[in-house]
PDB file of N, CA and C in Angstrom:
ATOM      1  N   MET A   1     -56.930 -78.075  39.375  1.00  0.00           N
ATOM      2  CA  MET A   1     -56.303 -76.855  40.001  1.00  0.00           C
ATOM      3  C   MET A   1     -54.965 -76.804  39.280  1.00  0.00           C
ATOM      4  N   SER A   2     -54.953 -75.542  38.445  1.00  0.00           N
ATOM      5  CA  SER A   2     -53.610 -74.958  37.593  1.00  0.00           C
ATOM      6  C   SER A   2     -52.772 -74.202  38.542  1.00  0.00           C
ATOM      7  N   ILE A   3     -51.552 -74.344  38.478  1.00  0.00           N
ATOM      8  CA  ILE A   3     -50.647 -73.858  38.704  1.00  0.00           C
ATOM      9  C   ILE A   3     -50.054 -72.738  37.732  1.00  0.00           C
ATOM     10  N   ASN A   4     -50.334 -71.613  37.975  1.00  0.00           N
ATOM     11  CA  ASN A   4     -49.873 -70.292  36.943  1.00  0.00           C
ATOM     12  C   ASN A   4     -48.546 -70.029  37.395  1.00  0.00           C
ATOM     13  N   ALA A   5     -47.801 -69.394  36.263  1.00  0.00           N
ATOM     14  CA  ALA A   5     -46.487 -68.589  36.171  1.00  0.00           C
ATOM     15  C   ALA A   5     -45.988 -68.258  37.364  1.00  0.00           C
ATOM     16  N   THR A   6     -46.926 -67.147  38.198  1.00  0.00           N
ATOM     17  CA  THR A   6     -46.894 -66.500  39.315  1.00  0.00           C
ATOM     18  C   THR A   6     -46.573 -67.494  40.391  1.00  0.00           C
ATOM     19  N   LEU A   7     -47.166 -68.335  40.589  1.00  0.00           N
ATOM     20  CA  LEU A   7     -47.087 -69.105  41.856  1.00  0.00           C
ATOM     21  C   LEU A   7     -46.020 -69.978  41.697  1.00  0.00           C
ATOM     22  N   LEU A   8     -45.582 -70.419  40.650  1.00  0.00           N
ATOM     23  CA  LEU A   8     -44.443 -71.414  40.116  1.00  0.00           C
ATOM     24  C   LEU A   8     -43.131 -70.424  40.504  1.00  0.00           C
ATOM     25  N   GLY A   9     -43.042 -69.121  40.155  1.00  0.00           N
ATOM     26  CA  GLY A   9     -41.931 -68.443  40.482  1.00  0.00           C
ATOM     27  C   GLY A   9     -41.716 -67.807  41.607  1.00  0.00           C
ATOM     28  N   GLN A  10     -42.859 -67.765  42.383  1.00  0.00           N
ATOM     29  CA  GLN A  10     -42.911 -67.597  43.834  1.00  0.00           C
ATOM     30  C   GLN A  10     -42.242 -68.693  44.725  1.00  0.00           C
ATOM     31  N   LEU A  11     -42.607 -69.865  44.103  1.00  0.00           N
ATOM     32  CA  LEU A  11     -42.174 -71.293  44.802  1.00  0.00           C
ATOM     33  C   LEU A  11     -40.730 -71.085  44.492  1.00  0.00           C
ATOM     34  N   PHE A  12     -40.204 -70.711  43.573  1.00  0.00           N
ATOM     35  CA  PHE A  12     -38.881 -71.018  42.958  1.00  0.00           C
ATOM     36  C   PHE A  12     -38.031 -70.038  43.855  1.00  0.00           C
ATOM     37  N   ILE A  13     -38.514 -68.842  44.154  1.00  0.00           N
ATOM     38  CA  ILE A  13     -37.767 -68.153  44.865  1.00  0.00           C
ATOM     39  C   ILE A  13     -37.526 -68.302  46.340  1.00  0.00           C
ATOM     40  N   VAL A  14     -38.489 -68.637  47.036  1.00  0.00           N
ATOM     41  CA  VAL A  14     -38.727 -69.496  48.207  1.00  0.00           C
ATOM     42  C   VAL A  14     -37.742 -70.440  48.235  1.00  0.00           C
ATOM     43  N   TRP A  15     -37.712 -71.495  47.191  1.00  0.00           N
ATOM     44  CA  TRP A  15     -36.460 -72.508  47.247  1.00  0.00           C
ATOM     45  C   TRP A  15     -35.265 -72.039  47.126  1.00  0.00           C
ATOM     46  N   LEU A  16     -34.933 -71.120  46.536  1.00  0.00           N
ATOM     47  CA  LEU A  16     -33.506 -70.418  46.218  1.00  0.00           C
ATOM     48  C   LEU A  16     -33.232 -70.057  47.684  1.00  0.00           C
ATOM     49  N   VAL A  17     -34.288 -69.641  48.383  1.00  0.00           N
ATOM     50  CA  VAL A  17     -33.785 -68.781  49.748  1.00  0.00           C
ATOM     51  C   VAL A  17     -33.293 -69.710  50.707  1.00  0.00           C
ATOM     52  N   ILE A  18     -34.269 -70.889  50.688  1.00  0.00           N
ATOM     53  CA  ILE A  18     -34.375 -71.812  51.801  1.00  0.00           C
ATOM     54  C   ILE A  18     -33.299 -72.826  51.671  1.00  0.00           C
ATOM     55  N   SER A  19     -32.906 -73.105  50.326  1.00  0.00           N
ATOM     56  CA  SER A  19     -31.744 -74.094  50.121  1.00  0.00           C
ATOM     57  C   SER A  19     -30.394 -73.344  49.895  1.00  0.00           C
ATOM     58  N   THR A  20     -30.442 -72.190  49.904  1.00  0.00           N
ATOM     59  CA  THR A  20     -29.105 -71.548  49.988  1.00  0.00           C
ATOM     60  C   THR A  20     -28.924 -71.288  51.558  1.00  0.00           C
ATOM     61  N   ILE A  21     -29.691 -70.743  52.339  1.00  0.00           N
ATOM     62  CA  ILE A  21     -29.366 -70.644  53.651  1.00  0.00           C
ATOM     63  C   ILE A  21     -29.413 -71.993  54.513  1.00  0.00           C
ATOM     64  N   ILE A  22     -29.516 -73.151  54.189  1.00  0.00           N
ATOM     65  CA  ILE A  22     -29.414 -74.539  54.619  1.00  0.00           C
ATOM     66  C   ILE A  22     -28.055 -74.814  54.289  1.00  0.00           C
ATOM     67  N   ILE A  23     -27.521 -74.661  52.697  1.00  0.00           N
ATOM     68  CA  ILE A  23     -26.299 -74.610  52.289  1.00  0.00           C
ATOM     69  C   ILE A  23     -25.444 -73.908  52.846  1.00  0.00           C
ATOM     70  N   ALA A  24     -25.763 -72.976  53.399  1.00  0.00           N
ATOM     71  CA  ALA A  24     -24.579 -71.630  54.229  1.00  0.00           C
ATOM     72  C   ALA A  24     -24.568 -72.391  55.503  1.00  0.00           C
ATOM     73  N   ILE A  25     -25.563 -72.744  56.207  1.00  0.00           N
ATOM     74  CA  ILE A  25     -25.167 -73.328  57.407  1.00  0.00           C
ATOM     75  C   ILE A  25     -24.227 -74.569  57.417  1.00  0.00           C
ATOM     76  N   LEU A  26     -24.555 -75.019  56.844  1.00  0.00           N
ATOM     77  CA  LEU A  26     -23.591 -76.413  56.676  1.00  0.00           C
ATOM     78  C   LEU A  26     -22.321 -76.308  56.202  1.00  0.00           C
ATOM     79  N   ALA A  27     -22.214 -75.326  54.944  1.00  0.00           N
ATOM     80  CA  ALA A  27     -20.755 -75.048  54.860  1.00  0.00           C
ATOM     81  C   ALA A  27     -19.954 -74.236  55.737  1.00  0.00           C
ATOM     82  N   LYS A  28     -20.722 -73.416  56.547  1.00  0.00           N
ATOM     83  CA  LYS A  28     -19.887 -72.879  57.609  1.00  0.00           C
ATOM     84  C   LYS A  28     -19.546 -74.304  58.567  1.00  0.00           C
ATOM     85  N   ARG A  29     -20.333 -75.010  58.892  1.00  0.00           N
ATOM     86  CA  ARG A  29     -19.715 -76.139  59.654  1.00  0.00           C
ATOM     87  C   ARG A  29     -18.776 -77.021  59.164  1.00  0.00           C
ATOM     88  N   LYS A  30     -18.996 -77.410  57.987  1.00  0.00           N
ATOM     89  CA  LYS A  30     -18.210 -78.492  57.197  1.00  0.00           C
ATOM     90  C   LYS A  30     -17.023 -78.051  56.556  1.00  0.00           C
ATOM     91  N   THR A  31     -16.753 -76.994  56.136  1.00  0.00           N
ATOM     92  CA  THR A  31     -15.713 -76.547  55.195  1.00  0.00           C
ATOM     93  C   THR A  31     -14.857 -75.326  55.504  1.00  0.00           C
ATOM     94  N   GLN A  32     -13.702 -75.456  55.027  1.00  0.00           N
ATOM     95  CA  GLN A  32     -13.204 -74.063  55.477  1.00  0.00           C
ATOM     96  C   GLN A  32     -13.473 -72.911  54.506  1.00  0.00           C
ATOM     97  N   THR A  33     -13.785 -73.019  53.236  1.00  0.00           N
ATOM     98  CA  THR A  33     -14.277 -72.088  52.506  1.00  0.00           C
ATOM     99  C   THR A  33     -15.776 -71.584  52.491  1.00  0.00           C
ATOM    100  N   PRO A  34     -16.392 -71.359  53.759  1.00  0.00           N
ATOM    101  CA  PRO A  34     -17.661 -71.369  53.570  1.00  0.00           C
ATOM    102  C   PRO A  34     -18.611 -70.061  52.683  1.00  0.00           C
ATOM    103  N   ILE A  35     -17.716 -69.245  52.198  1.00  0.00           N
ATOM    104  CA  ILE A  35     -18.045 -68.399  51.200  1.00  0.00           C
ATOM    105  C   ILE A  35     -18.117 -68.968  49.926  1.00  0.00           C
ATOM    106  N   MET A  36     -17.252 -69.462  49.529  1.00  0.00           N
ATOM    107  CA  MET A  36     -17.120 -70.141  48.095  1.00  0.00           C
ATOM    108  C   MET A  36     -18.235 -71.108  47.819  1.00  0.00           C
ATOM    109  N   VAL A  37     -18.525 -71.732  48.927  1.00  0.00           N
ATOM    110  CA  VAL A  37     -19.379 -73.134  48.884  1.00  0.00           C
ATOM    111  C   VAL A  37     -20.737 -72.509  49.026  1.00  0.00           C
ATOM    112  N   THR A  38     -20.932 -71.462  49.708  1.00  0.00           N
ATOM    113  CA  THR A  38     -22.340 -70.942  49.848  1.00  0.00           C
ATOM    114  C   THR A  38     -22.796 -70.352  48.239  1.00  0.00           C
ATOM    115  N   VAL A  39     -21.767 -69.746  47.737  1.00  0.00           N
ATOM    116  CA  VAL A  39     -21.802 -69.017  46.095  1.00  0.00           C
ATOM    117  C   VAL A  39     -22.370 -70.244  45.413  1.00  0.00           C
ATOM    118  N   ILE A  40     -21.610 -71.228  45.150  1.00  0.00           N
ATOM    119  CA  ILE A  40     -21.630 -72.167  44.611  1.00  0.00           C
ATOM    120  C   ILE A  40     -23.074 -73.083  45.077  1.00  0.00           C
ATOM    121  N   GLY A  41     -23.512 -73.098  46.194  1.00  0.00           N
ATOM    122  CA  GLY A  41     -24.569 -73.724  46.108  1.00  0.00           C
ATOM    123  C   GLY A  41     -25.753 -72.971  45.872  1.00  0.00           C
ATOM    124  N   PHE A  42     -25.859 -71.433  45.586  1.00  0.00           N
ATOM    125  CA  PHE A  42     -26.599 -70.395  45.352  1.00  0.00           C
ATOM    126  C   PHE A  42     -26.928 -71.047  43.615  1.00  0.00           C
ATOM    127  N   ILE A  43     -25.925 -71.118  43.309  1.00  0.00           N
ATOM    128  CA  ILE A  43     -25.988 -71.102  41.829  1.00  0.00           C
ATOM    129  C   ILE A  43     -26.616 -72.738  41.385  1.00  0.00           C
ATOM    130  N   ALA A  44     -26.022 -73.556  42.380  1.00  0.00           N
ATOM    131  CA  ALA A  44     -26.775 -74.965  42.065  1.00  0.00           C
ATOM    132  C   ALA A  44     -28.153 -75.251  42.609  1.00  0.00           C
ATOM    133  N   SER A  45     -29.056 -73.976  43.341  1.00  0.00           N
ATOM    134  CA  SER A  45     -29.934 -74.028  43.639  1.00  0.00           C
ATOM    135  C   SER A  45     -30.836 -74.051  42.600  1.00  0.00           C
ATOM    136  N   PHE A  46     -30.405 -73.554  41.245  1.00  0.00           N
ATOM    137  CA  PHE A  46     -31.340 -73.178  40.299  1.00  0.00           C
ATOM    138  C   PHE A  46     -31.882 -74.347  39.701  1.00  0.00           C
ATOM    139  N   ILE A  47     -30.681 -75.261  39.882  1.00  0.00           N
ATOM    140  CA  ILE A  47     -31.422 -76.991  39.446  1.00  0.00           C
ATOM    141  C   ILE A  47     -31.609 -77.656  40.755  1.00  0.00           C
ATOM    142  N   PRO A  48     -32.859 -77.725  41.055  1.00  0.00           N
ATOM    143  CA  PRO A  48     -33.128 -78.281  42.613  1.00  0.00           C
ATOM    144  C   PRO A  48     -32.470 -79.535  43.041  1.00  0.00           C
ATOM    145  N   ILE A  49     -32.598 -80.515  41.746  1.00  0.00           N
ATOM    146  CA  ILE A  49     -31.669 -81.989  42.172  1.00  0.00           C
ATOM    147  C   ILE A  49     -30.108 -81.707  42.819  1.00  0.00           C
ATOM    148  N   LEU A  50     -29.516 -80.544  41.794  1.00  0.00           N
ATOM    149  CA  LEU A  50     -28.236 -80.479  42.612  1.00  0.00           C
ATOM    150  C   LEU A  50     -28.090 -79.740  43.724  1.00  0.00           C
ATOM    151  N   SER A  51     -29.022 -79.087  44.085  1.00  0.00           N
ATOM    152  CA  SER A  51     -28.907 -78.087  45.526  1.00  0.00           C
ATOM    153  C   SER A  51     -29.291 -79.362  46.550  1.00  0.00           C
ATOM    154  N   ILE A  52     -30.042 -80.248  46.309  1.00  0.00           N
ATOM    155  CA  ILE A  52     -30.566 -81.359  47.172  1.00  0.00           C
ATOM    156  C   ILE A  52     -28.882 -82.438  47.129  1.00  0.00           C
ATOM    157  N   GLY A  53     -28.706 -82.459  46.334  1.00  0.00           N
ATOM    158  CA  GLY A  53     -27.775 -83.608  46.373  1.00  0.00           C
ATOM    159  C   GLY A  53     -26.272 -83.004  47.029  1.00  0.00           C
ATOM    160  N   MET A  54     -25.988 -81.555  47.119  1.00  0.00           N
ATOM    161  CA  MET A  54     -25.228 -80.657  47.623  1.00  0.00           C
ATOM    162  C   MET A  54     -25.403 -80.897  49.187  1.00  0.00           C
ATOM    163  N   MET A  55     -26.525 -80.629  49.390  1.00  0.00           N
ATOM    164  CA  MET A  55     -27.015 -80.363  50.524  1.00  0.00           C
ATOM    165  C   MET A  55     -26.634 -82.027  51.351  1.00  0.00           C
ATOM    166  N   ILE A  56     -26.942 -82.952  50.592  1.00  0.00           N
ATOM    167  CA  ILE A  56     -26.903 -84.600  51.283  1.00  0.00           C
ATOM    168  C   ILE A  56     -25.189 -84.515  51.423  1.00  0.00           C
ATOM    169  N   PHE A  57     -24.751 -84.043  50.474  1.00  0.00           N
ATOM    170  CA  PHE A  57     -23.014 -84.012  50.609  1.00  0.00           C
ATOM    171  C   PHE A  57     -22.669 -83.513  51.567  1.00  0.00           C
ATOM    172  N   LEU A  58     -23.195 -82.327  51.905  1.00  0.00           N
ATOM    173  CA  LEU A  58     -22.532 -81.454  53.014  1.00  0.00           C
ATOM    174  C   LEU A  58     -23.038 -82.065  54.565  1.00  0.00           C
ATOM    175  N   ALA A  59     -24.080 -82.232  54.269  1.00  0.00           N
ATOM    176  CA  ALA A  59     -24.825 -83.348  55.833  1.00  0.00           C
ATOM    177  C   ALA A  59     -23.899 -84.632  56.008  1.00  0.00           C
ATOM    178  N   LEU A  60     -23.574 -85.127  55.143  1.00  0.00           N
ATOM    179  CA  LEU A  60     -22.570 -86.061  55.478  1.00  0.00           C
ATOM    180  C   LEU A  60     -21.033 -85.997  55.648  1.00  0.00           C
ATOM    181  N   LYS A  61     -20.675 -84.773  55.157  1.00  0.00           N
ATOM    182  CA  LYS A  61     -19.117 -84.679  55.096  1.00  0.00           C
ATOM    183  C   LYS A  61     -18.952 -84.426  56.834  1.00  0.00           C
ATOM    184  N   ASN A  62     -17.492 -84.693  57.364  1.00  0.00           N
ATOM    185  CA  ASN A  62     -17.404 -84.534  58.558  1.00  0.00           C
ATOM    186  C   ASN A  62     -17.360 -83.378  58.902  1.00  0.00           C
ATOM    187  N   ASP A  63     -17.490 -82.579  60.274  1.00  0.00           N
ATOM    188  CA  ASP A  63     -16.797 -81.349  60.834  1.00  0.00           C
ATOM    189  C   ASP A  63     -15.662 -81.145  60.674  1.00  0.00           C
ATOM    190  N   ILE A  64     -15.247 -79.884  60.093  1.00  0.00           N
ATOM    191  CA  ILE A  64     -13.867 -79.286  60.433  1.00  0.00           C
ATOM    192  C   ILE A  64     -13.406 -79.563  61.849  1.00  0.00           C
ATOM    193  N   LYS A  65     -12.515 -79.450  62.261  1.00  0.00           N
ATOM    194  CA  LYS A  65     -11.795 -79.469  63.767  1.00  0.00           C
ATOM    195  C   LYS A  65     -11.587 -77.783  63.614  1.00  0.00           C
ATOM    196  N   VAL A  66     -12.111 -77.300  64.849  1.00  0.00           N
ATOM    197  CA  VAL A  66     -11.648 -76.052  65.029  1.00  0.00           C
ATOM    198  C   VAL A  66     -10.549 -76.119  66.024  1.00  0.00           C
ATOM    199  N   THR A  67      -9.218 -75.087  65.726  1.00  0.00           N
ATOM    200  CA  THR A  67      -8.224 -74.991  67.029  1.00  0.00           C
ATOM    201  C   THR A  67      -8.592 -73.593  67.700  1.00  0.00           C
ATOM    202  N   ASP A  68      -8.227 -73.721  68.823  1.00  0.00           N
ATOM    203  CA  ASP A  68      -8.182 -72.118  69.352  1.00  0.00           C
ATOM    204  C   ASP A  68      -6.928 -71.901  69.604  1.00  0.00           C
ATOM    205  N   ASN A  69      -6.794 -70.611  69.194  1.00  0.00           N
ATOM    206  CA  ASN A  69      -5.213 -70.204  69.141  1.00  0.00           C
ATOM    207  C   ASN A  69      -5.424 -68.898  70.203  1.00  0.00           C
ATOM    208  N   ASN A  70      -6.208 -68.849  70.985  1.00  0.00           N
ATOM    209  CA  ASN A  70      -6.181 -67.640  71.710  1.00  0.00           C
ATOM    210  C   ASN A  70      -5.985 -67.603  73.241  1.00  0.00           C
ATOM    211  N   THR A  71      -5.109 -68.704  73.037  1.00  0.00           N
ATOM    212  CA  THR A  71      -4.793 -69.282  74.702  1.00  0.00           C
ATOM    213  C   THR A  71      -3.733 -68.155  75.403  1.00  0.00           C
ATOM    214  N   ALA A  72      -3.297 -68.188  76.514  1.00  0.00           N
ATOM    215  CA  ALA A  72      -2.424 -66.916  77.083  1.00  0.00           C
ATOM    216  C   ALA A  72      -1.312 -67.437  76.910  1.00  0.00           C
ATOM    217  N   ALA A  73      -0.304 -66.697  76.336  1.00  0.00           N
ATOM    218  CA  ALA A  73       1.216 -67.457  76.453  1.00  0.00           C
ATOM    219  C   ALA A  73       1.886 -67.052  77.861  1.00  0.00           C
ATOM    220  N   SER A  74       1.681 -65.836  78.365  1.00  0.00           N
ATOM    221  CA  SER A  74       2.228 -65.814  79.553  1.00  0.00           C
ATOM    222  C   SER A  74       1.240 -64.815  80.267  1.00  0.00           C
ATOM    223  N   VAL A  75       1.432 -65.044  81.462  1.00  0.00           N
ATOM    224  CA  VAL A  75       0.240 -64.364  82.753  1.00  0.00           C
ATOM    225  C   VAL A  75       1.198 -63.119  83.464  1.00  0.00           C
TER     226      VAL A  75
END
């Protein structure tokens, strides 16, 4: 079975979408600048080993602490 260029291109596009979505989800939970990290992750997805490394790094990173500033000061 030979893999032609069309199939390889389609697999690459699917990889870009899936890896960017995973990186975006992790970036939202783990960083304070999720848009910038997602864009960097999208660019890194063009080289699969870089995006896999980025996913591993984000998965191992601690979650950010979210503070709730919407408390009522006066009733």
